[in-house]
């Protein structure tokens, strides 16, 4: 089976710890070990040094590395010289990246449309997937964003181990463009089966959890889930491939 991970993160942490640091070489080694063909990659430098240096570092680290698909960090104020989010999205697409991520608290802005609406509009118009960390946003804010921008392809990372989640399920019912990354954090008994039964199989993406976890755990959850093979293929690679193919460059 083809596997494409949507959630890899490389780069040094904000403060040196003396411990192991995730890197391009280590990620590629882990992908070979697990048989993962490609991975969407974010870079920690976008948080530690700022979006522009982080994206430049990401471009350098992924250039010429076919298995590594860059994910740019974007903010609602865009970048120099015009500070326009639409221009930032255009620059991202010209670089070859087909997906974006952001963290409001890390960069000091609001997720809500009054602050970030122009960014969502630019992403929605081009069908660019946006990754957000579930643990770093509020469900009410997410509901408002997706209500105002129903065409925004939004992928939640680190969906929690909470079984039949009382926040996620209502959000999934209300917003058809909301997708989940199924990595090690979504370790829910029969959780994948329940998601596919209630919402179909086209909204879930495989995540390897790098560098926080061994990707084999998430792979096993998908492989042993009691779901049709077509659903398994969609989770492993099909849904992500479709989302990237539909991006308007």
Protein backbone atom coordinates (compact mmCIF):
# COMPACT_ATOMS: atom_id res chain seq x y z
CA UNK A 1 0.00 0.00 0.00
CA UNK A 2 1.14 3.53 -0.75
CA UNK A 3 1.55 5.74 2.32
CA UNK A 4 1.79 9.53 2.31
CA UNK A 5 2.10 11.25 5.69
CA UNK A 6 0.61 14.69 6.13
CA UNK A 7 2.18 15.83 9.40
CA UNK A 8 5.99 15.65 9.54
CA UNK A 9 7.87 18.42 11.36
CA UNK A 10 11.63 18.94 11.16
CA UNK A 11 13.99 21.47 12.72
CA UNK A 12 15.55 22.41 16.02
CA UNK A 13 13.39 23.35 19.03
CA UNK A 14 13.27 26.94 20.26
CA UNK A 15 15.64 26.25 23.15
CA UNK A 16 18.51 23.71 22.95
CA UNK A 17 17.82 20.65 25.08
CA UNK A 18 20.85 18.50 24.38
CA UNK A 19 18.51 15.78 23.18
CA UNK A 20 17.86 14.34 19.74
CA UNK A 21 16.67 16.83 17.12
CA UNK A 22 14.50 15.96 14.15
CA UNK A 23 16.15 16.48 10.79
CA UNK A 24 15.63 15.88 7.09
CA UNK A 25 18.03 12.95 7.08
CA UNK A 26 16.38 11.32 10.06
CA UNK A 27 12.90 11.83 8.61
CA UNK A 28 13.92 10.25 5.31
CA UNK A 29 15.47 7.34 7.19
CA UNK A 30 12.27 6.83 9.16
CA UNK A 31 10.18 6.97 6.00
CA UNK A 32 12.35 4.30 4.38
CA UNK A 33 12.07 2.12 7.46
CA UNK A 34 8.28 2.30 7.46
CA UNK A 35 7.76 2.26 3.71
CA UNK A 36 6.24 5.76 3.59
CA UNK A 37 6.58 7.11 0.08
CA UNK A 38 6.08 10.83 0.70
CA UNK A 39 5.51 13.25 3.57
CA UNK A 40 4.16 16.77 3.91
CA UNK A 41 6.84 18.67 5.85
CA UNK A 42 6.67 21.71 8.12
CA UNK A 43 9.76 23.38 9.59
CA UNK A 44 10.14 24.46 13.21
CA UNK A 45 12.18 27.49 12.15
CA UNK A 46 8.91 29.13 11.07
CA UNK A 47 8.00 29.33 14.76
CA UNK A 48 11.45 29.90 16.21
CA UNK A 49 12.85 32.41 13.67
CA UNK A 50 9.72 33.72 11.97
CA UNK A 51 7.62 32.74 8.94
CA UNK A 52 9.96 34.15 6.26
CA UNK A 53 13.20 32.57 7.54
CA UNK A 54 11.29 29.40 8.30
CA UNK A 55 9.88 29.13 4.79
CA UNK A 56 13.27 29.86 3.24
CA UNK A 57 14.82 27.13 5.37
CA UNK A 58 12.02 24.76 4.41
CA UNK A 59 12.58 25.43 0.70
CA UNK A 60 16.29 24.74 1.13
CA UNK A 61 15.70 21.54 3.11
CA UNK A 62 13.16 20.09 0.68
CA UNK A 63 14.66 21.23 -2.64
CA UNK A 64 15.56 18.20 -4.73
CA UNK A 65 13.95 15.87 -2.19
CA UNK A 66 11.05 14.35 -4.12
CA UNK A 67 9.58 12.47 -1.14
CA UNK A 68 9.34 15.68 0.94
CA UNK A 69 6.45 18.04 0.13
CA UNK A 70 6.87 21.52 1.68
CA UNK A 71 4.15 23.18 3.76
CA UNK A 72 4.60 26.94 4.13
CA UNK A 73 3.84 28.90 7.29
CA UNK A 74 1.50 31.81 6.50
CA UNK A 75 0.16 34.70 8.58
CA UNK A 76 -2.75 37.08 7.85
CA UNK A 77 -0.47 40.09 7.28
CA UNK A 78 1.45 38.47 4.43
CA UNK A 79 5.12 39.30 3.88
CA UNK A 80 7.34 42.06 2.56
CA UNK A 81 7.20 44.19 0.50
CA UNK A 82 3.42 44.52 0.15
CA UNK A 83 2.23 42.60 3.23
CA UNK A 84 -0.64 41.06 1.31
CA UNK A 85 -1.80 37.51 2.15
CA UNK A 86 -2.87 36.93 -1.45
CA UNK A 87 0.66 37.70 -2.62
CA UNK A 88 2.07 35.38 0.05
CA UNK A 89 -0.11 32.53 -1.21
CA UNK A 90 0.98 33.26 -4.78
CA UNK A 91 4.65 33.17 -3.74
CA UNK A 92 4.06 29.90 -1.92
CA UNK A 93 2.51 28.29 -4.99
CA UNK A 94 5.31 29.58 -7.25
CA UNK A 95 7.82 27.91 -4.92
CA UNK A 96 6.12 24.57 -5.50
CA UNK A 97 4.41 24.26 -2.11
CA UNK A 98 0.76 23.20 -2.25
CA UNK A 99 -0.30 23.49 1.41
CA UNK A 100 0.03 25.92 4.32
CA UNK A 101 0.00 25.88 8.12
CA UNK A 102 -0.22 28.50 10.83
CA UNK A 103 -0.34 28.96 14.62
CA UNK A 104 -2.10 32.13 15.82
CA UNK A 105 -0.70 32.20 19.36
CA UNK A 106 2.88 31.74 18.18
CA UNK A 107 2.69 34.76 15.87
CA UNK A 108 0.32 36.95 17.85
CA UNK A 109 -2.83 37.12 15.75
CA UNK A 110 -6.43 35.95 15.94
CA UNK A 111 -7.78 32.96 14.07
CA UNK A 112 -11.11 34.75 13.65
CA UNK A 113 -12.12 36.23 10.28
CA UNK A 114 -11.92 39.86 11.42
CA UNK A 115 -8.15 39.35 11.60
CA UNK A 116 -7.38 36.43 9.26
CA UNK A 117 -10.22 36.62 6.74
CA UNK A 118 -8.09 37.85 3.82
CA UNK A 119 -5.76 34.87 4.26
CA UNK A 120 -8.68 32.42 4.29
CA UNK A 121 -10.14 34.07 1.22
CA UNK A 122 -6.86 33.65 -0.68
CA UNK A 123 -6.48 30.02 0.39
CA UNK A 124 -10.12 29.20 -0.34
CA UNK A 125 -9.98 30.73 -3.83
CA UNK A 126 -7.03 28.51 -4.74
CA UNK A 127 -8.24 25.45 -2.82
CA UNK A 128 -5.04 25.36 -0.79
CA UNK A 129 -5.26 23.05 2.26
CA UNK A 130 -4.54 24.72 5.61
CA UNK A 131 -3.16 22.74 8.55
CA UNK A 132 -4.04 23.75 12.12
CA UNK A 133 -3.10 22.10 15.40
CA UNK A 134 -6.27 21.07 17.25
CA UNK A 135 -4.50 21.52 20.60
CA UNK A 136 -3.70 25.17 19.86
CA UNK A 137 -7.07 26.51 18.70
CA UNK A 138 -10.59 26.86 20.08
CA UNK A 139 -13.51 24.92 18.65
CA UNK A 140 -15.72 28.03 18.64
CA UNK A 141 -13.15 29.92 16.59
CA UNK A 142 -12.84 27.02 14.15
CA UNK A 143 -16.62 26.88 13.73
CA UNK A 144 -16.74 30.60 12.96
CA UNK A 145 -13.93 30.36 10.39
CA UNK A 146 -15.50 27.43 8.54
CA UNK A 147 -18.95 29.02 8.67
CA UNK A 148 -17.63 32.19 7.03
CA UNK A 149 -15.38 30.32 4.58
CA UNK A 150 -17.18 27.06 3.75
CA UNK A 151 -14.84 26.28 0.86
CA UNK A 152 -11.68 26.40 2.97
CA UNK A 153 -9.95 22.99 3.03
CA UNK A 154 -8.89 22.74 6.64
CA UNK A 155 -6.95 19.81 8.13
CA UNK A 156 -6.71 19.36 11.88
CA UNK A 157 -3.50 17.94 13.26
CA UNK A 158 -3.30 16.11 16.59
CA UNK A 159 -6.97 15.20 16.95
CA UNK A 160 -7.18 14.06 20.59
CA UNK A 161 -7.70 10.66 22.11
CA UNK A 162 -11.21 11.34 23.37
CA UNK A 163 -13.30 8.65 21.73
CA UNK A 164 -16.58 10.00 20.42
CA UNK A 165 -15.41 13.58 20.72
CA UNK A 166 -18.15 16.01 21.72
CA UNK A 167 -16.49 18.88 19.87
CA UNK A 168 -15.07 17.18 16.79
CA UNK A 169 -18.19 15.33 15.76
CA UNK A 170 -20.47 18.39 15.67
CA UNK A 171 -17.78 20.29 13.75
CA UNK A 172 -17.50 17.46 11.24
CA UNK A 173 -21.29 17.40 10.79
CA UNK A 174 -21.45 21.16 10.23
CA UNK A 175 -18.43 21.57 7.95
CA UNK A 176 -17.86 19.16 5.03
CA UNK A 177 -14.43 20.64 4.24
CA UNK A 178 -13.04 19.84 7.69
CA UNK A 179 -10.50 16.99 7.55
CA UNK A 180 -8.61 15.11 10.26
CA UNK A 181 -5.04 13.85 10.39
CA UNK A 182 -5.12 10.37 11.90
CA UNK A 183 -1.78 9.95 13.62
CA UNK A 184 -0.78 8.50 17.00
CA UNK A 185 -2.88 11.02 18.95
CA UNK A 186 -6.11 9.60 17.52
CA UNK A 187 -5.76 6.29 19.33
CA UNK A 188 -9.47 5.61 19.73
CA UNK A 189 -10.95 2.10 19.91
CA UNK A 190 -12.97 1.65 16.69
CA UNK A 191 -12.56 5.37 16.12
CA UNK A 192 -11.64 5.10 12.45
CA UNK A 193 -14.57 2.77 11.82
CA UNK A 194 -16.91 5.25 13.50
CA UNK A 195 -15.61 8.18 11.48
CA UNK A 196 -16.02 6.29 8.21
CA UNK A 197 -19.50 5.05 9.16
CA UNK A 198 -20.79 8.50 10.05
CA UNK A 199 -18.94 10.77 7.64
CA UNK A 200 -17.54 8.60 4.84
CA UNK A 201 -13.89 7.90 4.12
CA UNK A 202 -12.79 10.96 2.14
CA UNK A 203 -11.93 13.30 5.00
CA UNK A 204 -9.19 11.45 6.87
CA UNK A 205 -5.46 11.63 6.20
CA UNK A 206 -2.67 9.41 7.47
CA UNK A 207 -0.12 11.03 9.76
CA UNK A 208 3.13 9.46 10.95
CA UNK A 209 3.46 11.72 14.00
CA UNK A 210 7.10 12.56 13.27
CA UNK A 211 9.05 13.42 15.38
CA UNK A 212 6.81 12.78 18.39
CA UNK A 213 5.97 9.12 17.79
CA UNK A 214 6.73 5.97 15.84
CA UNK A 215 4.67 6.16 12.67
CA UNK A 216 4.08 2.41 12.78
CA UNK A 217 1.36 2.88 15.38
CA UNK A 218 -0.78 5.03 13.10
CA UNK A 219 -0.12 2.71 10.17
CA UNK A 220 -1.30 -0.26 12.20
CA UNK A 221 -4.47 1.57 13.20
CA UNK A 222 -5.36 2.10 9.54
CA UNK A 223 -4.31 -1.39 8.43
CA UNK A 224 -6.30 -3.18 11.12
CA UNK A 225 -9.38 -0.94 11.00
CA UNK A 226 -12.52 -2.81 9.98
CA UNK A 227 -13.18 -0.68 6.91
CA UNK A 228 -13.32 -1.40 3.15
CA UNK A 229 -10.03 -1.47 1.28
CA UNK A 230 -11.09 1.59 -0.72
CA UNK A 231 -11.46 3.55 2.52
CA UNK A 232 -8.05 2.34 3.70
CA UNK A 233 -6.46 3.52 0.45
CA UNK A 234 -8.17 6.89 0.77
CA UNK A 235 -6.77 7.41 4.27
CA UNK A 236 -3.29 6.15 3.40
CA UNK A 237 -2.81 8.40 0.38
CA UNK A 238 -5.89 9.02 -1.79
CA UNK A 239 -7.51 11.92 0.03
CA UNK A 240 -4.28 13.88 0.37
CA UNK A 241 -3.39 13.30 -3.28
CA UNK A 242 -6.82 14.52 -4.32
CA UNK A 243 -6.58 17.67 -2.20
CA UNK A 244 -3.16 18.55 -3.60
CA UNK A 245 -4.25 17.85 -7.16
CA UNK A 246 -7.21 20.21 -6.79
CA UNK A 247 -5.05 23.18 -5.77
CA UNK A 248 -5.33 25.98 -8.33
CA UNK A 249 -1.84 27.15 -9.17
